[in-house]
Amino acid sequence: MDGWVSPKTGVKFHLQDGLLELFYPDGSRFETYLEVLERAAQEKARAIQASARAEQEAARANQAEARNVALEAEWMALRQRIGIK
């Protein structure tokens, strides 16, 4: 099977050190099951980090909005005290 190329798919089969490797027609190697699992775990970790950053940014935006509302209220009160419309 070593070096055999599927005539229908163009996938190449290569036996190295007792392990079977598969290659796409363009020569790039298929990922192993463990490589796929590792990549999925890394992508999940990145997604969790991105979600945490988004939550932090939303909290900062909410705090900024609350400060703006408070400042607007102070400004309106000050304008009324000094008689500016």
N, C-alpha and C. Protein backbone atom coordinates (compact mmCIF):
# COMPACT_ATOMS: atom_id res chain seq x y z
N MET A 1 0.82 -1.19 0.00
CA MET A 1 0.00 0.00 0.00
C MET A 1 0.86 1.26 0.00
N ASP A 2 2.12 1.14 0.42
CA ASP A 2 3.00 2.29 0.48
C ASP A 2 3.19 2.89 -0.90
N GLY A 3 2.87 4.16 -1.03
CA GLY A 3 3.03 4.86 -2.29
C GLY A 3 1.85 4.73 -3.23
N TRP A 4 0.84 3.99 -2.85
CA TRP A 4 -0.31 3.80 -3.72
C TRP A 4 -1.13 5.07 -3.78
N VAL A 5 -1.61 5.42 -4.96
CA VAL A 5 -2.44 6.61 -5.16
C VAL A 5 -3.80 6.15 -5.68
N SER A 6 -4.84 6.58 -5.02
CA SER A 6 -6.18 6.23 -5.44
C SER A 6 -6.47 6.88 -6.79
N PRO A 7 -6.88 6.11 -7.76
CA PRO A 7 -7.17 6.70 -9.07
C PRO A 7 -8.40 7.59 -9.05
N LYS A 8 -9.34 7.35 -8.14
CA LYS A 8 -10.56 8.17 -8.11
C LYS A 8 -10.39 9.46 -7.32
N THR A 9 -9.70 9.37 -6.19
CA THR A 9 -9.59 10.56 -5.32
C THR A 9 -8.25 11.26 -5.44
N GLY A 10 -7.25 10.58 -5.94
CA GLY A 10 -5.91 11.16 -6.01
C GLY A 10 -5.20 11.16 -4.67
N VAL A 11 -5.81 10.53 -3.65
CA VAL A 11 -5.20 10.46 -2.33
C VAL A 11 -4.05 9.45 -2.36
N LYS A 12 -2.91 9.88 -1.78
CA LYS A 12 -1.74 9.02 -1.74
C LYS A 12 -1.62 8.39 -0.36
N PHE A 13 -1.30 7.11 -0.33
CA PHE A 13 -1.13 6.36 0.91
C PHE A 13 0.36 6.11 1.11
N HIS A 14 0.85 6.42 2.32
CA HIS A 14 2.27 6.27 2.59
C HIS A 14 2.43 5.62 3.95
N LEU A 15 3.19 4.54 4.00
CA LEU A 15 3.45 3.84 5.24
C LEU A 15 4.83 4.23 5.73
N GLN A 16 4.87 4.83 6.94
CA GLN A 16 6.15 5.27 7.49
C GLN A 16 6.21 4.88 8.96
N ASP A 17 7.23 4.14 9.32
CA ASP A 17 7.43 3.68 10.70
C ASP A 17 6.19 2.97 11.23
N GLY A 18 5.55 2.21 10.40
CA GLY A 18 4.37 1.45 10.81
C GLY A 18 3.09 2.26 10.89
N LEU A 19 3.16 3.53 10.55
CA LEU A 19 1.97 4.39 10.57
C LEU A 19 1.57 4.74 9.14
N LEU A 20 0.29 4.69 8.91
CA LEU A 20 -0.23 5.02 7.59
C LEU A 20 -0.55 6.52 7.54
N GLU A 21 0.05 7.20 6.57
CA GLU A 21 -0.22 8.62 6.37
C GLU A 21 -0.95 8.77 5.04
N LEU A 22 -1.89 9.70 5.01
CA LEU A 22 -2.64 9.98 3.79
C LEU A 22 -2.31 11.40 3.33
N PHE A 23 -2.21 11.55 2.03
CA PHE A 23 -1.88 12.85 1.46
C PHE A 23 -2.92 13.24 0.42
N TYR A 24 -3.31 14.49 0.45
CA TYR A 24 -4.23 15.03 -0.56
C TYR A 24 -3.52 15.04 -1.91
N PRO A 25 -4.29 15.19 -2.98
CA PRO A 25 -3.67 15.25 -4.31
C PRO A 25 -2.64 16.38 -4.45
N ASP A 26 -2.82 17.47 -3.65
CA ASP A 26 -1.86 18.58 -3.73
C ASP A 26 -0.60 18.32 -2.90
N GLY A 27 -0.53 17.16 -2.22
CA GLY A 27 0.66 16.80 -1.46
C GLY A 27 0.58 17.12 0.02
N SER A 28 -0.42 17.87 0.44
CA SER A 28 -0.53 18.17 1.87
C SER A 28 -1.08 16.95 2.60
N ARG A 29 -0.61 16.78 3.84
CA ARG A 29 -0.95 15.59 4.61
C ARG A 29 -2.30 15.77 5.31
N PHE A 30 -3.07 14.71 5.37
CA PHE A 30 -4.30 14.70 6.16
C PHE A 30 -3.89 14.83 7.62
N GLU A 31 -4.70 15.53 8.41
CA GLU A 31 -4.44 15.60 9.84
C GLU A 31 -4.80 14.27 10.50
N THR A 32 -4.05 13.95 11.54
CA THR A 32 -4.41 12.76 12.32
C THR A 32 -5.58 13.11 13.23
N TYR A 33 -6.20 12.09 13.78
CA TYR A 33 -7.32 12.30 14.70
C TYR A 33 -6.87 13.14 15.89
N LEU A 34 -5.68 12.86 16.42
CA LEU A 34 -5.18 13.64 17.57
C LEU A 34 -4.92 15.09 17.18
N GLU A 35 -4.42 15.32 15.98
CA GLU A 35 -4.19 16.70 15.52
C GLU A 35 -5.52 17.45 15.39
N VAL A 36 -6.54 16.77 14.90
CA VAL A 36 -7.86 17.40 14.78
C VAL A 36 -8.40 17.74 16.17
N LEU A 37 -8.26 16.81 17.12
CA LEU A 37 -8.72 17.07 18.49
C LEU A 37 -7.97 18.24 19.12
N GLU A 38 -6.66 18.29 18.92
CA GLU A 38 -5.85 19.37 19.48
C GLU A 38 -6.26 20.72 18.88
N ARG A 39 -6.44 20.75 17.58
CA ARG A 39 -6.85 22.00 16.92
C ARG A 39 -8.22 22.44 17.42
N ALA A 40 -9.14 21.49 17.59
CA ALA A 40 -10.47 21.82 18.09
C ALA A 40 -10.39 22.38 19.51
N ALA A 41 -9.53 21.80 20.33
CA ALA A 41 -9.37 22.30 21.71
C ALA A 41 -8.79 23.71 21.70
N GLN A 42 -7.83 23.96 20.83
CA GLN A 42 -7.24 25.30 20.73
C GLN A 42 -8.28 26.32 20.26
N GLU A 43 -9.07 25.94 19.27
CA GLU A 43 -10.11 26.85 18.76
C GLU A 43 -11.15 27.12 19.83
N LYS A 44 -11.50 26.11 20.62
CA LYS A 44 -12.46 26.30 21.70
C LYS A 44 -11.90 27.26 22.75
N ALA A 45 -10.62 27.09 23.09
CA ALA A 45 -9.98 27.98 24.06
C ALA A 45 -9.95 29.41 23.54
N ARG A 46 -9.64 29.58 22.25
CA ARG A 46 -9.65 30.93 21.66
C ARG A 46 -11.05 31.53 21.69
N ALA A 47 -12.06 30.72 21.43
CA ALA A 47 -13.44 31.21 21.45
C ALA A 47 -13.85 31.62 22.85
N ILE A 48 -13.44 30.86 23.85
CA ILE A 48 -13.75 31.21 25.23
C ILE A 48 -13.07 32.53 25.60
N GLN A 49 -11.81 32.69 25.21
CA GLN A 49 -11.10 33.94 25.49
C GLN A 49 -11.76 35.12 24.79
N ALA A 50 -12.17 34.93 23.54
CA ALA A 50 -12.82 36.00 22.80
C ALA A 50 -14.15 36.37 23.45
N SER A 51 -14.87 35.38 23.92
CA SER A 51 -16.14 35.63 24.59
C SER A 51 -15.91 36.41 25.88
N ALA A 52 -14.89 36.05 26.63
CA ALA A 52 -14.58 36.77 27.87
C ALA A 52 -14.20 38.21 27.57
N ARG A 53 -13.40 38.43 26.52
CA ARG A 53 -13.04 39.80 26.15
C ARG A 53 -14.27 40.60 25.73
N ALA A 54 -15.17 39.97 25.00
CA ALA A 54 -16.39 40.65 24.58
C ALA A 54 -17.26 41.01 25.78
N GLU A 55 -17.35 40.12 26.75
CA GLU A 55 -18.12 40.41 27.96
C GLU A 55 -17.50 41.57 28.73
N GLN A 56 -16.17 41.59 28.83
CA GLN A 56 -15.48 42.69 29.51
C GLN A 56 -15.73 44.01 28.78
N GLU A 57 -15.67 43.98 27.47
CA GLU A 57 -15.91 45.20 26.69
C GLU A 57 -17.34 45.68 26.86
N ALA A 58 -18.29 44.76 26.89
CA ALA A 58 -19.69 45.13 27.10
C ALA A 58 -19.87 45.76 28.47
N ALA A 59 -19.21 45.21 29.48
CA ALA A 59 -19.29 45.79 30.83
C ALA A 59 -18.70 47.19 30.85
N ARG A 60 -17.57 47.38 30.17
CA ARG A 60 -16.97 48.73 30.10
C ARG A 60 -17.90 49.70 29.37
N ALA A 61 -18.53 49.22 28.31
CA ALA A 61 -19.46 50.09 27.57
C ALA A 61 -20.65 50.46 28.45
N ASN A 62 -21.16 49.50 29.21
CA ASN A 62 -22.29 49.79 30.11
C ASN A 62 -21.89 50.79 31.18
N GLN A 63 -20.68 50.65 31.72
CA GLN A 63 -20.20 51.60 32.73
C GLN A 63 -20.06 52.99 32.12
N ALA A 64 -19.54 53.07 30.91
CA ALA A 64 -19.38 54.36 30.25
C ALA A 64 -20.75 55.00 30.00
N GLU A 65 -21.72 54.20 29.59
CA GLU A 65 -23.07 54.73 29.37
C GLU A 65 -23.67 55.24 30.66
N ALA A 66 -23.46 54.50 31.74
CA ALA A 66 -23.98 54.94 33.05
C ALA A 66 -23.32 56.25 33.47
N ARG A 67 -22.01 56.38 33.23
CA ARG A 67 -21.33 57.64 33.54
C ARG A 67 -21.87 58.78 32.70
N ASN A 68 -22.13 58.52 31.42
CA ASN A 68 -22.69 59.55 30.55
C ASN A 68 -24.06 60.01 31.03
N VAL A 69 -24.90 59.05 31.43
CA VAL A 69 -26.23 59.39 31.93
C VAL A 69 -26.11 60.24 33.20
N ALA A 70 -25.21 59.84 34.10
CA ALA A 70 -25.02 60.59 35.35
C ALA A 70 -24.50 62.00 35.07
N LEU A 71 -23.56 62.11 34.16
CA LEU A 71 -23.01 63.44 33.83
C LEU A 71 -24.07 64.31 33.16
N GLU A 72 -24.88 63.72 32.31
CA GLU A 72 -25.95 64.47 31.67
C GLU A 72 -26.94 64.99 32.71
N ALA A 73 -27.26 64.16 33.70
CA ALA A 73 -28.16 64.59 34.76
C ALA A 73 -27.53 65.72 35.57
N GLU A 74 -26.25 65.58 35.89
CA GLU A 74 -25.55 66.66 36.62
C GLU A 74 -25.55 67.96 35.81
N TRP A 75 -25.30 67.84 34.53
CA TRP A 75 -25.27 69.00 33.65
C TRP A 75 -26.63 69.68 33.61
N MET A 76 -27.69 68.88 33.48
CA MET A 76 -29.03 69.46 33.45
C MET A 76 -29.35 70.15 34.78
N ALA A 77 -28.97 69.54 35.90
CA ALA A 77 -29.21 70.15 37.22
C ALA A 77 -28.43 71.45 37.35
N LEU A 78 -27.21 71.46 36.91
CA LEU A 78 -26.37 72.66 36.99
C LEU A 78 -26.97 73.76 36.11
N ARG A 79 -27.43 73.42 34.92
CA ARG A 79 -28.03 74.42 34.05
C ARG A 79 -29.28 75.01 34.67
N GLN A 80 -30.07 74.20 35.35
CA GLN A 80 -31.27 74.72 36.01
C GLN A 80 -30.90 75.64 37.16
N ARG A 81 -29.87 75.28 37.93
CA ARG A 81 -29.45 76.10 39.06
C ARG A 81 -28.98 77.47 38.62
N ILE A 82 -28.26 77.52 37.49
CA ILE A 82 -27.73 78.82 37.07
C ILE A 82 -28.63 79.50 36.04
N GLY A 83 -29.73 78.84 35.70
CA GLY A 83 -30.72 79.48 34.86
C GLY A 83 -30.45 79.41 33.36
N ILE A 84 -29.70 78.44 32.90
CA ILE A 84 -29.46 78.26 31.47
C ILE A 84 -30.44 77.22 30.95
N LYS A 85 -31.05 77.58 29.82
CA LYS A 85 -32.00 76.63 29.24
C LYS A 85 -31.39 75.83 28.15
